[in-house]
């Protein structure tokens, strides 16, 4: 079952069960996917949907940080719940150990030696790890290894 089909089915189930937070989150996500389709002028692929989900997750994480700084525990709780709902639609994430081994392999394959080679390494890793790992974590590990 595709991610979009799963979204539609889960939206119907959330509506039937009266799960308002999940329903609103899924509707917002479907709307973001639809906007992406309009912008691209074509139907969304699985990769596009994953990218949209990752952007939504990043927005939630930034909101959580802002709400924590503003002592808004109620909004932190709401955003955290939405974040967990969104994460459930991503492919299973790989562990930090697996990321580190992939980074080391990519550094060897690209013969990277300094921070000037970060682009080469990240280019190779982005195709391999996109959707499976937090790319900002990957970037931090690459910087750590090359500095």
N, C-alpha and C. Protein backbone atom coordinates (compact mmCIF):
# COMPACT_ATOMS: atom_id res chain seq x y z
N UNK A 1 0.84 -1.17 0.00
CA UNK A 1 0.00 0.00 0.00
C UNK A 1 0.89 1.25 0.00
N UNK A 2 0.57 2.20 -0.86
CA UNK A 2 1.38 3.41 -0.93
C UNK A 2 1.12 4.30 0.28
N UNK A 3 1.99 5.25 0.47
CA UNK A 3 1.85 6.17 1.61
C UNK A 3 0.56 6.97 1.47
N UNK A 4 0.25 7.41 0.26
CA UNK A 4 -0.95 8.21 0.04
C UNK A 4 -2.22 7.40 0.35
N UNK A 5 -2.24 6.13 -0.07
CA UNK A 5 -3.39 5.27 0.25
C UNK A 5 -3.52 5.08 1.75
N UNK A 6 -2.38 4.88 2.42
CA UNK A 6 -2.38 4.71 3.87
C UNK A 6 -2.90 5.98 4.54
N UNK A 7 -2.50 7.15 4.04
CA UNK A 7 -2.98 8.42 4.58
C UNK A 7 -4.50 8.52 4.47
N UNK A 8 -5.01 8.18 3.30
CA UNK A 8 -6.46 8.27 3.07
C UNK A 8 -7.22 7.31 3.97
N UNK A 9 -6.74 6.07 4.08
CA UNK A 9 -7.39 5.08 4.96
C UNK A 9 -7.35 5.51 6.42
N UNK A 10 -6.20 6.00 6.86
CA UNK A 10 -6.06 6.43 8.25
C UNK A 10 -6.90 7.67 8.53
N UNK A 11 -7.06 8.52 7.53
CA UNK A 11 -7.90 9.70 7.70
C UNK A 11 -9.36 9.28 7.93
N UNK A 12 -9.82 8.33 7.15
CA UNK A 12 -11.20 7.83 7.30
C UNK A 12 -11.38 7.19 8.67
N UNK A 13 -10.40 6.38 9.08
CA UNK A 13 -10.48 5.72 10.39
C UNK A 13 -10.46 6.74 11.53
N UNK A 14 -9.63 7.76 11.41
CA UNK A 14 -9.57 8.80 12.45
C UNK A 14 -10.89 9.55 12.53
N UNK A 15 -11.52 9.78 11.40
CA UNK A 15 -12.82 10.44 11.37
C UNK A 15 -13.88 9.58 12.07
N UNK A 16 -13.87 8.29 11.77
CA UNK A 16 -14.84 7.36 12.38
C UNK A 16 -14.65 7.26 13.88
N UNK A 17 -13.38 7.28 14.33
CA UNK A 17 -13.09 7.11 15.75
C UNK A 17 -13.15 8.43 16.53
N UNK A 18 -13.27 9.54 15.82
CA UNK A 18 -13.31 10.84 16.49
C UNK A 18 -11.96 11.30 17.00
N UNK A 19 -10.88 10.84 16.37
CA UNK A 19 -9.52 11.23 16.75
C UNK A 19 -9.19 12.55 16.04
N UNK A 20 -9.59 13.66 16.67
CA UNK A 20 -9.51 14.96 16.03
C UNK A 20 -8.08 15.40 15.71
N UNK A 21 -7.16 15.20 16.63
CA UNK A 21 -5.77 15.61 16.40
C UNK A 21 -5.17 14.87 15.21
N UNK A 22 -5.37 13.56 15.17
CA UNK A 22 -4.84 12.76 14.06
C UNK A 22 -5.52 13.16 12.75
N UNK A 23 -6.81 13.37 12.78
CA UNK A 23 -7.55 13.76 11.60
C UNK A 23 -7.03 15.09 11.05
N UNK A 24 -6.86 16.07 11.93
CA UNK A 24 -6.37 17.38 11.48
C UNK A 24 -4.95 17.29 10.93
N UNK A 25 -4.10 16.51 11.58
CA UNK A 25 -2.72 16.33 11.13
C UNK A 25 -2.69 15.68 9.75
N UNK A 26 -3.49 14.64 9.54
CA UNK A 26 -3.51 13.94 8.26
C UNK A 26 -4.09 14.84 7.16
N UNK A 27 -5.11 15.60 7.48
CA UNK A 27 -5.68 16.52 6.50
C UNK A 27 -4.65 17.57 6.09
N UNK A 28 -3.94 18.09 7.07
CA UNK A 28 -2.92 19.09 6.77
C UNK A 28 -1.82 18.49 5.91
N UNK A 29 -1.43 17.27 6.21
CA UNK A 29 -0.39 16.60 5.43
C UNK A 29 -0.86 16.34 4.00
N UNK A 30 -2.10 15.86 3.85
CA UNK A 30 -2.64 15.63 2.51
C UNK A 30 -2.71 16.93 1.72
N UNK A 31 -3.05 18.01 2.38
CA UNK A 31 -3.10 19.31 1.74
C UNK A 31 -1.71 19.74 1.27
N UNK A 32 -0.69 19.51 2.10
CA UNK A 32 0.68 19.85 1.73
C UNK A 32 1.14 19.02 0.53
N UNK A 33 0.75 17.74 0.49
CA UNK A 33 1.08 16.88 -0.65
C UNK A 33 0.38 17.39 -1.90
N UNK A 34 -0.89 17.76 -1.75
CA UNK A 34 -1.66 18.28 -2.88
C UNK A 34 -1.02 19.57 -3.42
N UNK A 35 -0.60 20.45 -2.52
CA UNK A 35 0.07 21.68 -2.94
C UNK A 35 1.36 21.38 -3.69
N UNK A 36 2.06 20.36 -3.25
CA UNK A 36 3.30 19.94 -3.92
C UNK A 36 2.99 19.42 -5.33
N UNK A 37 1.89 18.68 -5.46
CA UNK A 37 1.48 18.18 -6.77
C UNK A 37 1.14 19.33 -7.71
N UNK A 38 0.45 20.32 -7.19
CA UNK A 38 0.09 21.48 -8.01
C UNK A 38 1.35 22.23 -8.46
N UNK A 39 2.27 22.41 -7.53
CA UNK A 39 3.52 23.12 -7.86
C UNK A 39 4.33 22.37 -8.90
N UNK A 40 4.35 21.05 -8.80
CA UNK A 40 5.13 20.24 -9.74
C UNK A 40 4.38 19.98 -11.04
N UNK A 41 3.07 20.09 -10.99
CA UNK A 41 2.27 19.84 -12.19
C UNK A 41 2.10 18.38 -12.51
N UNK A 42 2.33 17.54 -11.52
CA UNK A 42 2.17 16.09 -11.72
C UNK A 42 1.86 15.42 -10.39
N UNK A 43 1.44 14.17 -10.48
CA UNK A 43 1.10 13.41 -9.28
C UNK A 43 2.35 13.20 -8.42
N UNK A 44 2.15 13.19 -7.13
CA UNK A 44 3.25 13.02 -6.19
C UNK A 44 3.74 11.58 -6.19
N UNK A 45 5.04 11.43 -6.19
CA UNK A 45 5.66 10.11 -6.06
C UNK A 45 5.87 9.81 -4.58
N UNK A 46 6.23 8.58 -4.28
CA UNK A 46 6.51 8.21 -2.89
C UNK A 46 7.63 9.10 -2.33
N UNK A 47 8.65 9.35 -3.15
CA UNK A 47 9.77 10.18 -2.71
C UNK A 47 9.31 11.60 -2.39
N UNK A 48 8.43 12.15 -3.23
CA UNK A 48 7.90 13.49 -2.99
C UNK A 48 7.12 13.53 -1.69
N UNK A 49 6.30 12.53 -1.46
CA UNK A 49 5.50 12.47 -0.24
C UNK A 49 6.41 12.38 0.99
N UNK A 50 7.46 11.59 0.90
CA UNK A 50 8.42 11.47 2.00
C UNK A 50 9.08 12.81 2.27
N UNK A 51 9.43 13.54 1.20
CA UNK A 51 10.03 14.86 1.37
C UNK A 51 9.07 15.82 2.07
N UNK A 52 7.81 15.78 1.69
CA UNK A 52 6.80 16.63 2.32
C UNK A 52 6.67 16.28 3.80
N UNK A 53 6.63 15.00 4.10
CA UNK A 53 6.52 14.55 5.50
C UNK A 53 7.73 15.04 6.29
N UNK A 54 8.92 14.92 5.71
CA UNK A 54 10.13 15.35 6.40
C UNK A 54 10.11 16.86 6.66
N UNK A 55 9.60 17.64 5.69
CA UNK A 55 9.48 19.09 5.90
C UNK A 55 8.50 19.40 7.03
N UNK A 56 7.40 18.65 7.06
CA UNK A 56 6.41 18.85 8.12
C UNK A 56 7.00 18.50 9.49
N UNK A 57 7.79 17.44 9.53
CA UNK A 57 8.44 17.04 10.78
C UNK A 57 9.40 18.12 11.24
N UNK A 58 10.17 18.65 10.31
CA UNK A 58 11.13 19.71 10.65
C UNK A 58 10.40 20.94 11.20
N UNK A 59 9.27 21.29 10.58
CA UNK A 59 8.49 22.42 11.07
C UNK A 59 8.01 22.18 12.49
N UNK A 60 7.54 20.96 12.76
CA UNK A 60 7.06 20.63 14.10
C UNK A 60 8.20 20.72 15.11
N UNK A 61 9.38 20.23 14.74
CA UNK A 61 10.52 20.27 15.66
C UNK A 61 10.89 21.71 15.98
N UNK A 62 10.89 22.58 14.97
CA UNK A 62 11.20 23.99 15.20
C UNK A 62 10.13 24.65 16.08
N UNK A 63 8.88 24.28 15.85
CA UNK A 63 7.79 24.83 16.67
C UNK A 63 7.93 24.39 18.12
N UNK A 64 8.29 23.14 18.32
CA UNK A 64 8.46 22.62 19.68
C UNK A 64 9.54 23.42 20.41
N UNK A 65 10.65 23.67 19.74
CA UNK A 65 11.73 24.45 20.36
C UNK A 65 11.24 25.84 20.73
N UNK A 66 10.51 26.48 19.82
CA UNK A 66 9.98 27.82 20.10
C UNK A 66 8.99 27.83 21.24
N UNK A 67 8.12 26.83 21.27
CA UNK A 67 7.13 26.77 22.34
C UNK A 67 7.77 26.45 23.69
N UNK A 68 8.84 25.64 23.67
CA UNK A 68 9.56 25.37 24.92
C UNK A 68 10.19 26.66 25.44
N UNK A 69 10.76 27.44 24.54
CA UNK A 69 11.38 28.71 24.93
C UNK A 69 10.33 29.68 25.48
N UNK A 70 9.11 29.58 24.98
CA UNK A 70 8.04 30.45 25.43
C UNK A 70 7.22 29.87 26.58
N UNK A 71 7.67 28.76 27.14
CA UNK A 71 6.97 28.10 28.25
C UNK A 71 5.51 27.79 27.92
N UNK A 72 5.28 27.25 26.73
CA UNK A 72 3.93 26.88 26.31
C UNK A 72 3.83 25.35 26.26
N UNK A 73 3.74 24.74 27.42
CA UNK A 73 3.72 23.28 27.54
C UNK A 73 2.55 22.66 26.78
N UNK A 74 1.40 23.35 26.75
CA UNK A 74 0.24 22.82 26.05
C UNK A 74 0.51 22.68 24.55
N UNK A 75 1.16 23.68 23.97
CA UNK A 75 1.46 23.63 22.55
C UNK A 75 2.61 22.66 22.25
N UNK A 76 3.55 22.53 23.16
CA UNK A 76 4.63 21.55 23.00
C UNK A 76 4.02 20.16 22.93
N UNK A 77 3.07 19.88 23.80
CA UNK A 77 2.42 18.57 23.84
C UNK A 77 1.68 18.29 22.52
N UNK A 78 0.95 19.28 22.02
CA UNK A 78 0.20 19.13 20.77
C UNK A 78 1.14 18.88 19.59
N UNK A 79 2.19 19.69 19.49
CA UNK A 79 3.14 19.55 18.39
C UNK A 79 3.89 18.22 18.47
N UNK A 80 4.19 17.76 19.66
CA UNK A 80 4.87 16.48 19.84
C UNK A 80 3.97 15.34 19.38
N UNK A 81 2.69 15.42 19.70
CA UNK A 81 1.75 14.39 19.26
C UNK A 81 1.65 14.38 17.73
N UNK A 82 1.59 15.55 17.12
CA UNK A 82 1.55 15.64 15.66
C UNK A 82 2.83 15.08 15.05
N UNK A 83 3.95 15.38 15.68
CA UNK A 83 5.25 14.90 15.21
C UNK A 83 5.29 13.37 15.17
N UNK A 84 4.77 12.73 16.20
CA UNK A 84 4.74 11.26 16.25
C UNK A 84 3.83 10.69 15.17
N UNK A 85 2.72 11.34 14.92
CA UNK A 85 1.82 10.90 13.86
C UNK A 85 2.54 10.96 12.51
N UNK A 86 3.22 12.08 12.25
CA UNK A 86 3.93 12.24 10.98
C UNK A 86 5.05 11.22 10.83
N UNK A 87 5.79 10.99 11.90
CA UNK A 87 6.91 10.03 11.84
C UNK A 87 6.44 8.63 11.49
N UNK A 88 5.22 8.29 11.85
CA UNK A 88 4.72 6.94 11.58
C UNK A 88 4.56 6.68 10.07
N UNK A 89 4.58 7.72 9.26
CA UNK A 89 4.42 7.55 7.81
C UNK A 89 5.74 7.52 7.06
N UNK A 90 6.83 7.72 7.77
CA UNK A 90 8.15 7.62 7.14
C UNK A 90 8.61 6.17 7.12
N UNK A 91 9.46 5.83 6.15
CA UNK A 91 10.06 4.49 6.19
C UNK A 91 10.87 4.35 7.48
N UNK A 92 11.11 3.13 7.88
CA UNK A 92 11.86 2.90 9.11
C UNK A 92 13.22 3.58 9.02
N UNK A 93 13.55 4.32 10.07
CA UNK A 93 14.80 5.08 10.11
C UNK A 93 15.96 4.17 10.53
N UNK A 94 17.12 4.41 9.95
CA UNK A 94 18.29 3.61 10.30
C UNK A 94 18.96 4.20 11.54
N UNK A 95 19.73 3.39 12.21
CA UNK A 95 20.37 3.81 13.46
C UNK A 95 21.58 4.70 13.17
N UNK A 96 22.06 5.37 14.22
CA UNK A 96 23.23 6.23 14.08
C UNK A 96 24.47 5.41 13.71
N UNK A 97 24.56 4.19 14.22
CA UNK A 97 25.70 3.32 13.87
C UNK A 97 25.71 3.02 12.37
N UNK A 98 24.52 2.74 11.82
CA UNK A 98 24.43 2.46 10.38
C UNK A 98 24.77 3.71 9.57
N UNK A 99 24.37 4.86 10.07
CA UNK A 99 24.71 6.13 9.39
C UNK A 99 26.22 6.31 9.39
N UNK A 100 26.83 6.09 10.54
CA UNK A 100 28.29 6.26 10.65
C UNK A 100 29.04 5.32 9.69
N UNK A 101 28.59 4.08 9.58
CA UNK A 101 29.27 3.15 8.66
C UNK A 101 29.05 3.59 7.20
N UNK A 102 27.87 4.09 6.88
CA UNK A 102 27.61 4.57 5.52
C UNK A 102 28.46 5.79 5.22
N UNK A 103 28.64 6.67 6.21
CA UNK A 103 29.48 7.86 6.03
C UNK A 103 30.93 7.44 5.78
N UNK A 104 31.43 6.51 6.59
CA UNK A 104 32.81 6.05 6.41
C UNK A 104 33.01 5.42 5.04
N UNK A 105 32.04 4.63 4.61
CA UNK A 105 32.11 3.99 3.29
C UNK A 105 32.12 5.06 2.18
N UNK A 106 31.26 6.05 2.31
CA UNK A 106 31.17 7.11 1.29
C UNK A 106 32.44 7.95 1.25
N UNK A 107 33.04 8.18 2.40
CA UNK A 107 34.30 8.94 2.45
C UNK A 107 35.39 8.17 1.73
N UNK A 108 35.46 6.86 1.94
CA UNK A 108 36.47 6.04 1.25
C UNK A 108 36.22 6.01 -0.25
N UNK A 109 34.93 5.84 -0.64
CA UNK A 109 34.60 5.73 -2.06
C UNK A 109 34.85 7.03 -2.82
N UNK A 110 34.67 8.17 -2.15
CA UNK A 110 34.88 9.46 -2.82
C UNK A 110 36.28 10.01 -2.60
N UNK A 111 37.08 9.31 -1.83
CA UNK A 111 38.43 9.74 -1.48
C UNK A 111 38.44 11.13 -0.85
N UNK A 112 37.45 11.41 -0.04
CA UNK A 112 37.35 12.70 0.64
C UNK A 112 38.40 12.79 1.73
N UNK A 113 39.02 13.99 1.84
CA UNK A 113 40.08 14.15 2.81
C UNK A 113 39.89 15.36 3.73
N UNK A 114 39.08 16.32 3.31
CA UNK A 114 38.90 17.53 4.13
C UNK A 114 37.46 18.02 4.04
N UNK A 115 37.19 19.08 4.78
CA UNK A 115 35.84 19.64 4.78
C UNK A 115 35.45 20.19 3.41
N UNK A 116 36.41 20.42 2.55
CA UNK A 116 36.12 20.89 1.19
C UNK A 116 35.40 19.80 0.37
N UNK A 117 35.50 18.56 0.82
CA UNK A 117 34.89 17.44 0.11
C UNK A 117 33.52 17.03 0.67
N UNK A 118 32.97 17.82 1.57
CA UNK A 118 31.68 17.49 2.17
C UNK A 118 30.60 17.33 1.10
N UNK A 119 30.61 18.19 0.11
CA UNK A 119 29.60 18.14 -0.96
C UNK A 119 29.60 16.81 -1.70
N UNK A 120 30.80 16.31 -2.02
CA UNK A 120 30.89 15.02 -2.71
C UNK A 120 30.31 13.90 -1.87
N UNK A 121 30.67 13.89 -0.60
CA UNK A 121 30.22 12.83 0.30
C UNK A 121 28.70 12.92 0.50
N UNK A 122 28.21 14.13 0.75
CA UNK A 122 26.77 14.31 0.97
C UNK A 122 25.97 13.97 -0.29
N UNK A 123 26.50 14.29 -1.44
CA UNK A 123 25.82 13.94 -2.69
C UNK A 123 25.64 12.45 -2.83
N UNK A 124 26.67 11.73 -2.49
CA UNK A 124 26.60 10.27 -2.55
C UNK A 124 25.64 9.71 -1.50
N UNK A 125 25.69 10.26 -0.30
CA UNK A 125 24.86 9.76 0.79
C UNK A 125 23.39 10.14 0.65
N UNK A 126 23.12 11.28 0.04
CA UNK A 126 21.73 11.72 -0.05
C UNK A 126 20.89 10.76 -0.87
N UNK A 127 21.44 10.21 -1.92
CA UNK A 127 20.67 9.25 -2.71
C UNK A 127 20.48 7.94 -1.95
N UNK A 128 21.49 7.57 -1.18
CA UNK A 128 21.44 6.30 -0.44
C UNK A 128 20.55 6.36 0.80
N UNK A 129 20.59 7.50 1.51
CA UNK A 129 19.93 7.58 2.81
C UNK A 129 18.68 8.44 2.84
N UNK A 130 18.32 9.07 1.74
CA UNK A 130 17.16 9.96 1.71
C UNK A 130 15.91 9.22 2.18
N UNK A 131 15.25 9.78 3.18
CA UNK A 131 14.04 9.18 3.71
C UNK A 131 14.28 8.14 4.78
N UNK A 132 15.51 7.63 4.85
CA UNK A 132 15.83 6.60 5.84
C UNK A 132 16.56 7.17 7.05
N UNK A 133 17.09 8.40 6.89
CA UNK A 133 17.87 8.99 7.97
C UNK A 133 17.66 10.50 7.97
N UNK A 134 17.85 11.09 9.14
CA UNK A 134 17.79 12.54 9.27
C UNK A 134 19.05 13.10 8.61
N UNK A 135 18.87 13.83 7.52
CA UNK A 135 20.01 14.28 6.74
C UNK A 135 20.85 15.32 7.48
N UNK A 136 20.27 16.05 8.42
CA UNK A 136 21.08 16.99 9.20
C UNK A 136 22.03 16.22 10.13
N UNK A 137 21.57 15.08 10.66
CA UNK A 137 22.45 14.23 11.46
C UNK A 137 23.55 13.65 10.58
N UNK A 138 23.20 13.23 9.37
CA UNK A 138 24.20 12.70 8.43
C UNK A 138 25.25 13.78 8.15
N UNK A 139 24.79 15.00 7.89
CA UNK A 139 25.71 16.11 7.61
C UNK A 139 26.64 16.37 8.79
N UNK A 140 26.10 16.34 9.99
CA UNK A 140 26.93 16.56 11.18
C UNK A 140 27.99 15.47 11.33
N UNK A 141 27.62 14.24 11.04
CA UNK A 141 28.59 13.14 11.15
C UNK A 141 29.66 13.28 10.07
N UNK A 142 29.28 13.66 8.85
CA UNK A 142 30.26 13.86 7.78
C UNK A 142 31.24 14.96 8.18
N UNK A 143 30.71 16.06 8.69
CA UNK A 143 31.59 17.17 9.13
C UNK A 143 32.55 16.71 10.23
N UNK A 144 32.03 15.93 11.17
CA UNK A 144 32.84 15.42 12.26
C UNK A 144 33.98 14.54 11.74
N UNK A 145 33.66 13.66 10.78
CA UNK A 145 34.66 12.74 10.24
C UNK A 145 35.72 13.46 9.39
N UNK A 146 35.31 14.53 8.70
CA UNK A 146 36.24 15.20 7.78
C UNK A 146 37.00 16.35 8.43
N UNK A 147 36.68 16.68 9.65
CA UNK A 147 37.42 17.81 10.27
C UNK A 147 38.53 17.34 11.16
